[in-house]
Amino acid sequence: MIKLKQAVIVEGKYDKIKLSEILDAVIITTDGFGVFKKSEKLDLIRLFAKKHGVIILTDSDRAGFLIRNRLKSKISEGEIHNIYIPDVFGKERRKTISSRDNKIGVEGMEAGILRKAFEKFTQEKNADSWLTRERFFDDGLSGRSNSAGQRKLLQKEFGLPENLSSKALPAVLNSLFTEDEYIKALDKIK
């Protein structure tokens, strides 16, 4: 079990059940967009952000990114960390139809993938960032006419969600991958 002092924020109860198998942490559900109608739950998330920090882990679909971004806009103090799951297309076993974006969410993700994401987070949380915004620019991944296309190729190479912004991508790469993995992937897409 991975022990975390931060609270982990997920969308639903099945996500919480899935993470309970690998994490020793407080796991709070947003009930989809319901958290924005329930001030008590949002207040609890804010309190955790202020005291211990929160880790947001939503699905890689559009709704997951909307929830993630709205949460970040509602939390003005404290630490917010993001963990992302890769784009895996298909549907969860318990569902009769796939999601609108046809992507598997947290509940359908393999435990090994989730465990690896959290282990990487705990190992590298306090490590220096090897991928700076300047290097990101120098590598042609921002500020150039073909940067968006290069970023999409890199995200696909790493199995990252396609909806990551150009500002979020360097932080995600820093937290999930090594510099050597980045260099190899960059060489492969160029």
N, C-alpha and C. Protein backbone atom coordinates (compact mmCIF):
# COMPACT_ATOMS: atom_id res chain seq x y z
N MET A 1 0.84 -1.19 0.00
CA MET A 1 0.00 0.00 0.00
C MET A 1 0.87 1.25 0.00
N ILE A 2 0.46 2.23 -0.75
CA ILE A 2 1.16 3.50 -0.81
C ILE A 2 0.50 4.44 0.17
N LYS A 3 1.28 4.93 1.13
CA LYS A 3 0.74 5.83 2.16
C LYS A 3 0.95 7.28 1.73
N LEU A 4 -0.13 8.05 1.77
CA LEU A 4 -0.07 9.46 1.38
C LEU A 4 -0.66 10.33 2.47
N LYS A 5 -0.05 11.49 2.71
CA LYS A 5 -0.65 12.44 3.64
C LYS A 5 -1.67 13.32 2.92
N GLN A 6 -1.51 13.49 1.61
CA GLN A 6 -2.44 14.28 0.83
C GLN A 6 -3.75 13.51 0.64
N ALA A 7 -4.85 14.24 0.52
CA ALA A 7 -6.13 13.64 0.16
C ALA A 7 -6.15 13.46 -1.35
N VAL A 8 -6.72 12.37 -1.80
CA VAL A 8 -6.83 12.10 -3.23
C VAL A 8 -8.27 12.38 -3.65
N ILE A 9 -8.43 13.21 -4.66
CA ILE A 9 -9.74 13.60 -5.13
C ILE A 9 -10.04 12.86 -6.43
N VAL A 10 -11.15 12.09 -6.44
CA VAL A 10 -11.57 11.34 -7.62
C VAL A 10 -13.03 11.67 -7.92
N GLU A 11 -13.50 11.23 -9.07
CA GLU A 11 -14.86 11.58 -9.49
C GLU A 11 -15.94 10.79 -8.76
N GLY A 12 -15.82 9.47 -8.70
CA GLY A 12 -16.94 8.68 -8.19
C GLY A 12 -16.55 7.57 -7.23
N LYS A 13 -17.58 6.89 -6.73
CA LYS A 13 -17.36 5.87 -5.71
C LYS A 13 -16.60 4.66 -6.24
N TYR A 14 -16.75 4.33 -7.52
CA TYR A 14 -16.02 3.19 -8.06
C TYR A 14 -14.53 3.52 -8.23
N ASP A 15 -14.24 4.79 -8.50
CA ASP A 15 -12.84 5.24 -8.53
C ASP A 15 -12.24 5.09 -7.13
N LYS A 16 -13.01 5.48 -6.14
CA LYS A 16 -12.56 5.40 -4.74
C LYS A 16 -12.30 3.95 -4.34
N ILE A 17 -13.18 3.07 -4.72
CA ILE A 17 -13.01 1.64 -4.41
C ILE A 17 -11.73 1.12 -5.06
N LYS A 18 -11.52 1.48 -6.31
CA LYS A 18 -10.32 1.02 -7.04
C LYS A 18 -9.04 1.51 -6.34
N LEU A 19 -9.00 2.80 -5.97
CA LEU A 19 -7.80 3.35 -5.34
C LEU A 19 -7.59 2.82 -3.92
N SER A 20 -8.68 2.45 -3.25
CA SER A 20 -8.57 1.92 -1.89
C SER A 20 -7.76 0.62 -1.85
N GLU A 21 -7.65 -0.04 -2.98
CA GLU A 21 -6.87 -1.27 -3.07
C GLU A 21 -5.37 -1.00 -3.04
N ILE A 22 -4.95 0.21 -3.45
CA ILE A 22 -3.51 0.49 -3.55
C ILE A 22 -3.03 1.64 -2.67
N LEU A 23 -3.97 2.44 -2.15
CA LEU A 23 -3.58 3.62 -1.37
C LEU A 23 -4.04 3.54 0.08
N ASP A 24 -3.18 4.01 0.95
CA ASP A 24 -3.56 4.27 2.34
C ASP A 24 -3.63 5.79 2.43
N ALA A 25 -4.80 6.33 2.14
CA ALA A 25 -4.97 7.78 2.07
C ALA A 25 -6.45 8.12 2.21
N VAL A 26 -6.72 9.37 2.49
CA VAL A 26 -8.09 9.85 2.45
C VAL A 26 -8.44 10.03 0.97
N ILE A 27 -9.54 9.43 0.56
CA ILE A 27 -9.99 9.55 -0.83
C ILE A 27 -11.37 10.20 -0.80
N ILE A 28 -11.49 11.31 -1.50
CA ILE A 28 -12.74 12.07 -1.51
C ILE A 28 -13.30 12.06 -2.93
N THR A 29 -14.58 11.75 -3.06
CA THR A 29 -15.22 11.76 -4.38
C THR A 29 -15.87 13.12 -4.63
N THR A 30 -15.88 13.51 -5.89
CA THR A 30 -16.54 14.77 -6.28
C THR A 30 -18.00 14.52 -6.65
N ASP A 31 -18.38 13.25 -6.80
CA ASP A 31 -19.71 12.90 -7.30
C ASP A 31 -19.94 13.61 -8.64
N GLY A 32 -18.97 13.47 -9.51
CA GLY A 32 -19.01 14.18 -10.79
C GLY A 32 -18.95 15.67 -10.54
N PHE A 33 -19.89 16.39 -11.11
CA PHE A 33 -19.95 17.84 -10.90
C PHE A 33 -20.70 18.18 -9.62
N GLY A 34 -21.19 17.16 -8.90
CA GLY A 34 -21.96 17.38 -7.68
C GLY A 34 -21.22 18.13 -6.59
N VAL A 35 -19.91 18.06 -6.57
CA VAL A 35 -19.11 18.74 -5.56
C VAL A 35 -19.32 20.26 -5.59
N PHE A 36 -19.67 20.78 -6.74
CA PHE A 36 -19.85 22.22 -6.86
C PHE A 36 -21.22 22.68 -6.35
N LYS A 37 -22.08 21.70 -6.05
CA LYS A 37 -23.39 22.01 -5.46
C LYS A 37 -23.38 21.75 -3.96
N LYS A 38 -22.34 21.07 -3.47
CA LYS A 38 -22.24 20.70 -2.06
C LYS A 38 -21.09 21.46 -1.42
N SER A 39 -21.40 22.57 -0.78
CA SER A 39 -20.35 23.42 -0.24
C SER A 39 -19.55 22.71 0.86
N GLU A 40 -20.18 21.79 1.60
CA GLU A 40 -19.46 21.10 2.68
C GLU A 40 -18.31 20.27 2.12
N LYS A 41 -18.56 19.56 1.04
CA LYS A 41 -17.52 18.72 0.45
C LYS A 41 -16.40 19.57 -0.14
N LEU A 42 -16.75 20.65 -0.80
CA LEU A 42 -15.76 21.56 -1.36
C LEU A 42 -14.94 22.20 -0.24
N ASP A 43 -15.60 22.52 0.88
CA ASP A 43 -14.89 23.08 2.04
C ASP A 43 -13.90 22.06 2.60
N LEU A 44 -14.29 20.78 2.62
CA LEU A 44 -13.40 19.72 3.10
C LEU A 44 -12.17 19.60 2.19
N ILE A 45 -12.39 19.66 0.90
CA ILE A 45 -11.28 19.59 -0.05
C ILE A 45 -10.34 20.78 0.15
N ARG A 46 -10.91 21.95 0.34
CA ARG A 46 -10.09 23.16 0.59
C ARG A 46 -9.27 23.01 1.85
N LEU A 47 -9.87 22.45 2.90
CA LEU A 47 -9.17 22.25 4.17
C LEU A 47 -7.99 21.31 3.98
N PHE A 48 -8.21 20.19 3.27
CA PHE A 48 -7.10 19.27 3.00
C PHE A 48 -6.01 19.94 2.17
N ALA A 49 -6.40 20.74 1.19
CA ALA A 49 -5.41 21.44 0.35
C ALA A 49 -4.54 22.33 1.22
N LYS A 50 -5.16 23.00 2.16
CA LYS A 50 -4.44 23.94 3.03
C LYS A 50 -3.54 23.21 4.03
N LYS A 51 -4.04 22.11 4.61
CA LYS A 51 -3.31 21.42 5.68
C LYS A 51 -2.27 20.42 5.16
N HIS A 52 -2.67 19.59 4.18
CA HIS A 52 -1.78 18.50 3.74
C HIS A 52 -1.58 18.44 2.22
N GLY A 53 -2.39 19.17 1.48
CA GLY A 53 -2.35 19.10 0.03
C GLY A 53 -3.36 18.11 -0.50
N VAL A 54 -3.73 18.29 -1.76
CA VAL A 54 -4.64 17.35 -2.42
C VAL A 54 -4.01 16.90 -3.72
N ILE A 55 -4.37 15.70 -4.12
CA ILE A 55 -3.96 15.14 -5.40
C ILE A 55 -5.23 14.92 -6.19
N ILE A 56 -5.32 15.54 -7.36
CA ILE A 56 -6.51 15.38 -8.20
C ILE A 56 -6.22 14.31 -9.24
N LEU A 57 -7.09 13.31 -9.28
CA LEU A 57 -7.00 12.22 -10.26
C LEU A 57 -8.38 12.02 -10.85
N THR A 58 -8.61 12.62 -12.01
CA THR A 58 -9.89 12.45 -12.69
C THR A 58 -9.67 11.64 -13.96
N ASP A 59 -10.76 11.24 -14.58
CA ASP A 59 -10.68 10.52 -15.83
C ASP A 59 -10.04 11.41 -16.90
N SER A 60 -9.58 10.79 -17.99
CA SER A 60 -8.90 11.54 -19.06
C SER A 60 -9.87 12.07 -20.11
N ASP A 61 -11.15 11.97 -19.84
CA ASP A 61 -12.12 12.49 -20.80
C ASP A 61 -12.39 13.97 -20.55
N ARG A 62 -13.22 14.57 -21.39
CA ARG A 62 -13.50 16.01 -21.27
C ARG A 62 -14.10 16.36 -19.91
N ALA A 63 -15.03 15.55 -19.45
CA ALA A 63 -15.66 15.83 -18.15
C ALA A 63 -14.62 15.80 -17.03
N GLY A 64 -13.70 14.84 -17.07
CA GLY A 64 -12.65 14.76 -16.05
C GLY A 64 -11.78 16.00 -16.02
N PHE A 65 -11.44 16.52 -17.20
CA PHE A 65 -10.63 17.73 -17.25
C PHE A 65 -11.42 18.96 -16.80
N LEU A 66 -12.71 19.00 -17.10
CA LEU A 66 -13.54 20.11 -16.62
C LEU A 66 -13.61 20.11 -15.10
N ILE A 67 -13.83 18.93 -14.52
CA ILE A 67 -13.89 18.82 -13.06
C ILE A 67 -12.55 19.22 -12.45
N ARG A 68 -11.46 18.73 -13.00
CA ARG A 68 -10.12 19.05 -12.51
C ARG A 68 -9.89 20.57 -12.54
N ASN A 69 -10.20 21.20 -13.65
CA ASN A 69 -9.96 22.64 -13.78
C ASN A 69 -10.88 23.46 -12.88
N ARG A 70 -12.12 23.03 -12.72
CA ARG A 70 -13.02 23.76 -11.82
C ARG A 70 -12.56 23.62 -10.38
N LEU A 71 -12.08 22.44 -10.00
CA LEU A 71 -11.56 22.27 -8.65
C LEU A 71 -10.38 23.20 -8.40
N LYS A 72 -9.46 23.22 -9.36
CA LYS A 72 -8.29 24.09 -9.21
C LYS A 72 -8.70 25.56 -9.08
N SER A 73 -9.76 25.95 -9.78
CA SER A 73 -10.20 27.35 -9.70
C SER A 73 -10.90 27.65 -8.37
N LYS A 74 -11.43 26.63 -7.71
CA LYS A 74 -12.16 26.81 -6.44
C LYS A 74 -11.26 26.70 -5.22
N ILE A 75 -10.03 26.23 -5.40
CA ILE A 75 -9.10 26.07 -4.28
C ILE A 75 -8.06 27.18 -4.39
N SER A 76 -8.17 28.16 -3.51
CA SER A 76 -7.27 29.32 -3.61
C SER A 76 -6.02 29.20 -2.73
N GLU A 77 -6.05 28.34 -1.73
CA GLU A 77 -4.90 28.20 -0.83
C GLU A 77 -4.51 26.73 -0.73
N GLY A 78 -3.23 26.52 -0.48
CA GLY A 78 -2.75 25.16 -0.25
C GLY A 78 -2.08 24.57 -1.47
N GLU A 79 -1.82 23.27 -1.37
CA GLU A 79 -1.12 22.55 -2.43
C GLU A 79 -2.09 21.71 -3.24
N ILE A 80 -1.95 21.82 -4.55
CA ILE A 80 -2.73 20.98 -5.47
C ILE A 80 -1.73 20.27 -6.36
N HIS A 81 -1.83 18.95 -6.40
CA HIS A 81 -0.99 18.14 -7.27
C HIS A 81 -1.91 17.41 -8.24
N ASN A 82 -1.40 17.13 -9.41
CA ASN A 82 -2.19 16.42 -10.41
C ASN A 82 -1.50 15.12 -10.78
N ILE A 83 -2.29 14.08 -10.86
CA ILE A 83 -1.83 12.81 -11.42
C ILE A 83 -2.78 12.49 -12.56
N TYR A 84 -2.23 12.05 -13.66
CA TYR A 84 -3.03 11.78 -14.85
C TYR A 84 -2.94 10.30 -15.21
N ILE A 85 -4.02 9.79 -15.75
CA ILE A 85 -4.01 8.44 -16.29
C ILE A 85 -3.90 8.55 -17.81
N PRO A 86 -3.35 7.52 -18.45
CA PRO A 86 -3.22 7.59 -19.91
C PRO A 86 -4.57 7.42 -20.60
N ASP A 87 -4.62 7.82 -21.85
CA ASP A 87 -5.80 7.57 -22.67
C ASP A 87 -5.81 6.09 -23.02
N VAL A 88 -6.80 5.38 -22.51
CA VAL A 88 -7.02 3.99 -22.87
C VAL A 88 -8.45 3.92 -23.39
N PHE A 89 -8.60 3.50 -24.61
CA PHE A 89 -9.92 3.50 -25.23
C PHE A 89 -10.65 2.20 -24.96
N GLY A 90 -11.94 2.32 -24.71
CA GLY A 90 -12.79 1.18 -24.41
C GLY A 90 -13.84 1.57 -23.39
N LYS A 91 -14.39 0.56 -22.69
CA LYS A 91 -15.39 0.85 -21.66
C LYS A 91 -15.11 -0.01 -20.43
N GLU A 92 -15.58 0.50 -19.29
CA GLU A 92 -15.44 -0.24 -18.05
C GLU A 92 -16.37 -1.46 -18.08
N ARG A 93 -15.99 -2.50 -17.36
CA ARG A 93 -16.76 -3.74 -17.36
C ARG A 93 -18.19 -3.57 -16.86
N ARG A 94 -18.35 -2.76 -15.81
CA ARG A 94 -19.69 -2.66 -15.21
C ARG A 94 -20.65 -1.81 -16.03
N LYS A 95 -20.14 -1.07 -17.01
CA LYS A 95 -20.98 -0.19 -17.81
C LYS A 95 -21.46 -0.88 -19.08
N THR A 96 -22.67 -0.52 -19.49
CA THR A 96 -23.22 -1.13 -20.70
C THR A 96 -22.75 -0.41 -21.97
N ILE A 97 -22.45 0.89 -21.84
CA ILE A 97 -21.92 1.64 -22.98
C ILE A 97 -20.66 2.38 -22.54
N SER A 98 -19.84 2.72 -23.52
CA SER A 98 -18.61 3.44 -23.19
C SER A 98 -18.92 4.92 -22.97
N SER A 99 -17.96 5.63 -22.42
CA SER A 99 -18.13 7.06 -22.16
C SER A 99 -18.22 7.82 -23.48
N ARG A 100 -18.61 9.07 -23.39
CA ARG A 100 -18.75 9.92 -24.59
C ARG A 100 -17.45 9.98 -25.39
N ASP A 101 -16.31 10.02 -24.68
CA ASP A 101 -15.02 10.08 -25.35
C ASP A 101 -14.43 8.69 -25.63
N ASN A 102 -15.18 7.64 -25.24
CA ASN A 102 -14.75 6.24 -25.44
C ASN A 102 -13.43 5.93 -24.74
N LYS A 103 -13.25 6.51 -23.53
CA LYS A 103 -12.03 6.30 -22.77
C LYS A 103 -12.35 5.62 -21.44
N ILE A 104 -11.45 4.75 -21.04
CA ILE A 104 -11.59 4.09 -19.74
C ILE A 104 -11.16 5.08 -18.67
N GLY A 105 -11.93 5.12 -17.59
CA GLY A 105 -11.63 6.04 -16.50
C GLY A 105 -10.79 5.39 -15.42
N VAL A 106 -10.68 6.06 -14.30
CA VAL A 106 -9.88 5.58 -13.17
C VAL A 106 -10.34 4.19 -12.74
N GLU A 107 -11.64 3.99 -12.63
CA GLU A 107 -12.14 2.70 -12.14
C GLU A 107 -11.77 1.53 -13.04
N GLY A 108 -11.60 1.78 -14.34
CA GLY A 108 -11.27 0.71 -15.27
C GLY A 108 -9.78 0.55 -15.54
N MET A 109 -8.99 1.44 -14.98
CA MET A 109 -7.54 1.42 -15.21
C MET A 109 -6.92 0.25 -14.44
N GLU A 110 -5.91 -0.34 -15.01
CA GLU A 110 -5.19 -1.44 -14.34
C GLU A 110 -4.54 -0.91 -13.07
N ALA A 111 -4.60 -1.69 -12.02
CA ALA A 111 -4.02 -1.29 -10.73
C ALA A 111 -2.54 -0.98 -10.86
N GLY A 112 -1.83 -1.71 -11.70
CA GLY A 112 -0.40 -1.48 -11.89
C GLY A 112 -0.10 -0.10 -12.45
N ILE A 113 -0.93 0.36 -13.35
CA ILE A 113 -0.74 1.69 -13.94
C ILE A 113 -0.97 2.76 -12.87
N LEU A 114 -2.03 2.58 -12.09
CA LEU A 114 -2.32 3.53 -11.01
C LEU A 114 -1.22 3.53 -9.96
N ARG A 115 -0.78 2.34 -9.58
CA ARG A 115 0.29 2.22 -8.58
C ARG A 115 1.55 2.93 -9.07
N LYS A 116 1.91 2.72 -10.32
CA LYS A 116 3.11 3.33 -10.88
C LYS A 116 3.00 4.86 -10.86
N ALA A 117 1.82 5.39 -11.18
CA ALA A 117 1.63 6.84 -11.19
C ALA A 117 1.82 7.42 -9.79
N PHE A 118 1.29 6.74 -8.77
CA PHE A 118 1.41 7.24 -7.40
C PHE A 118 2.82 7.03 -6.86
N GLU A 119 3.47 5.92 -7.21
CA GLU A 119 4.85 5.70 -6.77
C GLU A 119 5.76 6.76 -7.35
N LYS A 120 5.58 7.06 -8.62
CA LYS A 120 6.38 8.09 -9.28
C LYS A 120 6.15 9.44 -8.61
N PHE A 121 4.90 9.72 -8.26
CA PHE A 121 4.58 10.98 -7.58
C PHE A 121 5.31 11.07 -6.24
N THR A 122 5.27 10.01 -5.46
CA THR A 122 5.89 10.05 -4.14
C THR A 122 7.41 10.13 -4.25
N GLN A 123 8.00 9.50 -5.24
CA GLN A 123 9.45 9.52 -5.41
C GLN A 123 9.94 10.88 -5.89
N GLU A 124 9.18 11.51 -6.76
CA GLU A 124 9.68 12.72 -7.41
C GLU A 124 9.04 14.00 -6.92
N LYS A 125 8.19 13.92 -5.93
CA LYS A 125 7.50 15.11 -5.43
C LYS A 125 8.47 16.21 -5.03
N ASN A 126 9.54 15.83 -4.37
CA ASN A 126 10.50 16.83 -3.91
C ASN A 126 11.75 16.92 -4.77
N ALA A 127 11.79 16.16 -5.84
CA ALA A 127 12.96 16.18 -6.72
C ALA A 127 12.94 17.45 -7.58
N ASP A 128 14.12 17.84 -8.02
CA ASP A 128 14.21 18.99 -8.91
C ASP A 128 13.57 18.67 -10.25
N SER A 129 12.97 19.64 -10.86
CA SER A 129 12.36 19.47 -12.17
C SER A 129 13.45 19.54 -13.23
N TRP A 130 13.54 18.52 -14.02
CA TRP A 130 14.54 18.49 -15.07
C TRP A 130 14.01 19.14 -16.35
N LEU A 131 12.70 19.20 -16.51
CA LEU A 131 12.12 19.80 -17.71
C LEU A 131 11.56 21.17 -17.36
N THR A 132 12.31 22.19 -17.72
CA THR A 132 11.89 23.57 -17.46
C THR A 132 11.08 24.07 -18.65
N ARG A 133 10.42 25.20 -18.49
CA ARG A 133 9.66 25.80 -19.59
C ARG A 133 10.60 26.25 -20.71
N GLU A 134 11.81 26.69 -20.32
CA GLU A 134 12.80 27.10 -21.32
C GLU A 134 13.23 25.92 -22.18
N ARG A 135 13.49 24.79 -21.52
CA ARG A 135 13.89 23.60 -22.27
C ARG A 135 12.74 23.12 -23.17
N PHE A 136 11.54 23.20 -22.65
CA PHE A 136 10.35 22.82 -23.41
C PHE A 136 10.29 23.64 -24.70
N PHE A 137 10.57 24.94 -24.59
CA PHE A 137 10.61 25.82 -25.76
C PHE A 137 11.77 25.45 -26.68
N ASP A 138 12.95 25.28 -26.10
CA ASP A 138 14.14 24.93 -26.89
C ASP A 138 13.96 23.62 -27.66
N ASP A 139 13.20 22.71 -27.07
CA ASP A 139 12.95 21.42 -27.72
C ASP A 139 11.84 21.50 -28.77
N GLY A 140 11.30 22.71 -28.97
CA GLY A 140 10.28 22.91 -30.01
C GLY A 140 8.88 22.52 -29.60
N LEU A 141 8.63 22.37 -28.30
CA LEU A 141 7.32 21.93 -27.85
C LEU A 141 6.41 23.07 -27.43
N SER A 142 6.91 24.30 -27.52
CA SER A 142 6.06 25.47 -27.29
C SER A 142 6.62 26.65 -28.08
N GLY A 143 5.72 27.56 -28.44
CA GLY A 143 6.14 28.79 -29.09
C GLY A 143 6.51 28.70 -30.55
N ARG A 144 6.26 27.58 -31.19
CA ARG A 144 6.59 27.41 -32.60
C ARG A 144 5.33 27.03 -33.37
N SER A 145 5.37 27.18 -34.66
CA SER A 145 4.18 26.90 -35.48
C SER A 145 3.76 25.43 -35.42
N ASN A 146 4.70 24.52 -35.25
CA ASN A 146 4.36 23.09 -35.21
C ASN A 146 4.41 22.51 -33.79
N SER A 147 4.48 23.36 -32.78
CA SER A 147 4.61 22.88 -31.40
C SER A 147 3.42 22.04 -30.95
N ALA A 148 2.20 22.46 -31.29
CA ALA A 148 1.01 21.70 -30.87
C ALA A 148 1.05 20.28 -31.42
N GLY A 149 1.43 20.15 -32.68
CA GLY A 149 1.53 18.81 -33.29
C GLY A 149 2.61 17.97 -32.63
N GLN A 150 3.75 18.59 -32.31
CA GLN A 150 4.84 17.88 -31.63
C GLN A 150 4.41 17.41 -30.24
N ARG A 151 3.69 18.28 -29.53
CA ARG A 151 3.21 17.90 -28.19
C ARG A 151 2.26 16.72 -28.28
N LYS A 152 1.35 16.75 -29.26
CA LYS A 152 0.39 15.64 -29.41
C LYS A 152 1.13 14.33 -29.67
N LEU A 153 2.15 14.38 -30.52
CA LEU A 153 2.94 13.17 -30.80
C LEU A 153 3.63 12.66 -29.54
N LEU A 154 4.19 13.59 -28.77
CA LEU A 154 4.87 13.22 -27.53
C LEU A 154 3.89 12.63 -26.52
N GLN A 155 2.72 13.25 -26.40
CA GLN A 155 1.70 12.74 -25.48
C GLN A 155 1.28 11.34 -25.89
N LYS A 156 1.11 11.12 -27.18
CA LYS A 156 0.73 9.80 -27.68
C LYS A 156 1.83 8.77 -27.39
N GLU A 157 3.07 9.19 -27.59
CA GLU A 157 4.22 8.31 -27.33
C GLU A 157 4.25 7.85 -25.87
N PHE A 158 3.91 8.74 -24.95
CA PHE A 158 3.91 8.41 -23.53
C PHE A 158 2.57 7.86 -23.04
N GLY A 159 1.55 7.83 -23.91
CA GLY A 159 0.25 7.34 -23.49
C GLY A 159 -0.46 8.30 -22.55
N LEU A 160 -0.20 9.60 -22.72
CA LEU A 160 -0.81 10.62 -21.86
C LEU A 160 -2.11 11.12 -22.46
N PRO A 161 -2.99 11.67 -21.65
CA PRO A 161 -4.25 12.20 -22.16
C PRO A 161 -4.02 13.31 -23.20
N GLU A 162 -4.84 13.30 -24.23
CA GLU A 162 -4.67 14.29 -25.29
C GLU A 162 -5.09 15.69 -24.86
N ASN A 163 -5.83 15.82 -23.77
CA ASN A 163 -6.35 17.13 -23.36
C ASN A 163 -5.39 17.92 -22.47
N LEU A 164 -4.18 17.45 -22.25
CA LEU A 164 -3.23 18.20 -21.42
C LEU A 164 -2.84 19.51 -22.10
N SER A 165 -2.81 20.58 -21.34
CA SER A 165 -2.42 21.88 -21.90
C SER A 165 -0.90 21.95 -22.02
N SER A 166 -0.42 22.94 -22.77
CA SER A 166 1.02 23.11 -22.93
C SER A 166 1.68 23.51 -21.61
N LYS A 167 0.93 24.10 -20.70
CA LYS A 167 1.47 24.44 -19.38
C LYS A 167 1.52 23.23 -18.46
N ALA A 168 0.54 22.34 -18.59
CA ALA A 168 0.47 21.17 -17.72
C ALA A 168 1.45 20.08 -18.15
N LEU A 169 1.71 19.96 -19.44
CA LEU A 169 2.53 18.85 -19.94
C LEU A 169 3.92 18.78 -19.32
N PRO A 170 4.69 19.88 -19.21
CA PRO A 170 6.02 19.75 -18.58
C PRO A 170 5.95 19.22 -17.15
N ALA A 171 4.98 19.67 -16.37
CA ALA A 171 4.84 19.19 -14.99
C ALA A 171 4.52 17.70 -14.96
N VAL A 172 3.66 17.27 -15.88
CA VAL A 172 3.30 15.85 -15.94
C VAL A 172 4.52 15.02 -16.33
N LEU A 173 5.26 15.48 -17.33
CA LEU A 173 6.45 14.75 -17.76
C LEU A 173 7.48 14.68 -16.63
N ASN A 174 7.66 15.78 -15.89
CA ASN A 174 8.58 15.80 -14.75
C ASN A 174 8.18 14.77 -13.69
N SER A 175 6.88 14.63 -13.48
CA SER A 175 6.44 13.77 -12.38
C SER A 175 6.31 12.30 -12.77
N LEU A 176 6.16 12.00 -14.05
CA LEU A 176 5.92 10.62 -14.45
C LEU A 176 7.08 9.93 -15.16
N PHE A 177 7.99 10.72 -15.73
CA PHE A 177 9.02 10.12 -16.56
C PHE A 177 10.40 10.67 -16.22
N THR A 178 11.42 9.92 -16.62
CA THR A 178 12.79 10.38 -16.40
C THR A 178 13.24 11.22 -17.58
N GLU A 179 14.33 11.93 -17.38
CA GLU A 179 14.88 12.74 -18.46
C GLU A 179 15.30 11.86 -19.64
N ASP A 180 15.87 10.69 -19.35
CA ASP A 180 16.27 9.78 -20.42
C ASP A 180 15.08 9.30 -21.24
N GLU A 181 13.97 8.98 -20.56
CA GLU A 181 12.76 8.56 -21.27
C GLU A 181 12.26 9.69 -22.18
N TYR A 182 12.33 10.90 -21.68
CA TYR A 182 11.91 12.07 -22.46
C TYR A 182 12.78 12.24 -23.70
N ILE A 183 14.08 12.15 -23.53
CA ILE A 183 15.01 12.32 -24.66
C ILE A 183 14.76 11.27 -25.72
N LYS A 184 14.57 10.01 -25.30
CA LYS A 184 14.31 8.92 -26.25
C LYS A 184 13.01 9.16 -27.01
N ALA A 185 11.97 9.57 -26.28
CA ALA A 185 10.67 9.82 -26.92
C ALA A 185 10.75 11.00 -27.88
N LEU A 186 11.49 12.03 -27.49
CA LEU A 186 11.65 13.22 -28.33
C LEU A 186 12.38 12.86 -29.62
N ASP A 187 13.43 12.04 -29.50
CA ASP A 187 14.18 11.60 -30.67
C ASP A 187 13.27 10.78 -31.60
N LYS A 188 12.41 9.98 -31.00
CA LYS A 188 11.53 9.10 -31.79
C LYS A 188 10.49 9.90 -32.60
N ILE A 189 9.97 10.98 -32.02
CA ILE A 189 8.93 11.73 -32.74
C ILE A 189 9.50 12.76 -33.72
N LYS A 190 10.78 13.07 -33.62
CA LYS A 190 11.36 14.12 -34.49
C LYS A 190 11.82 13.55 -35.79
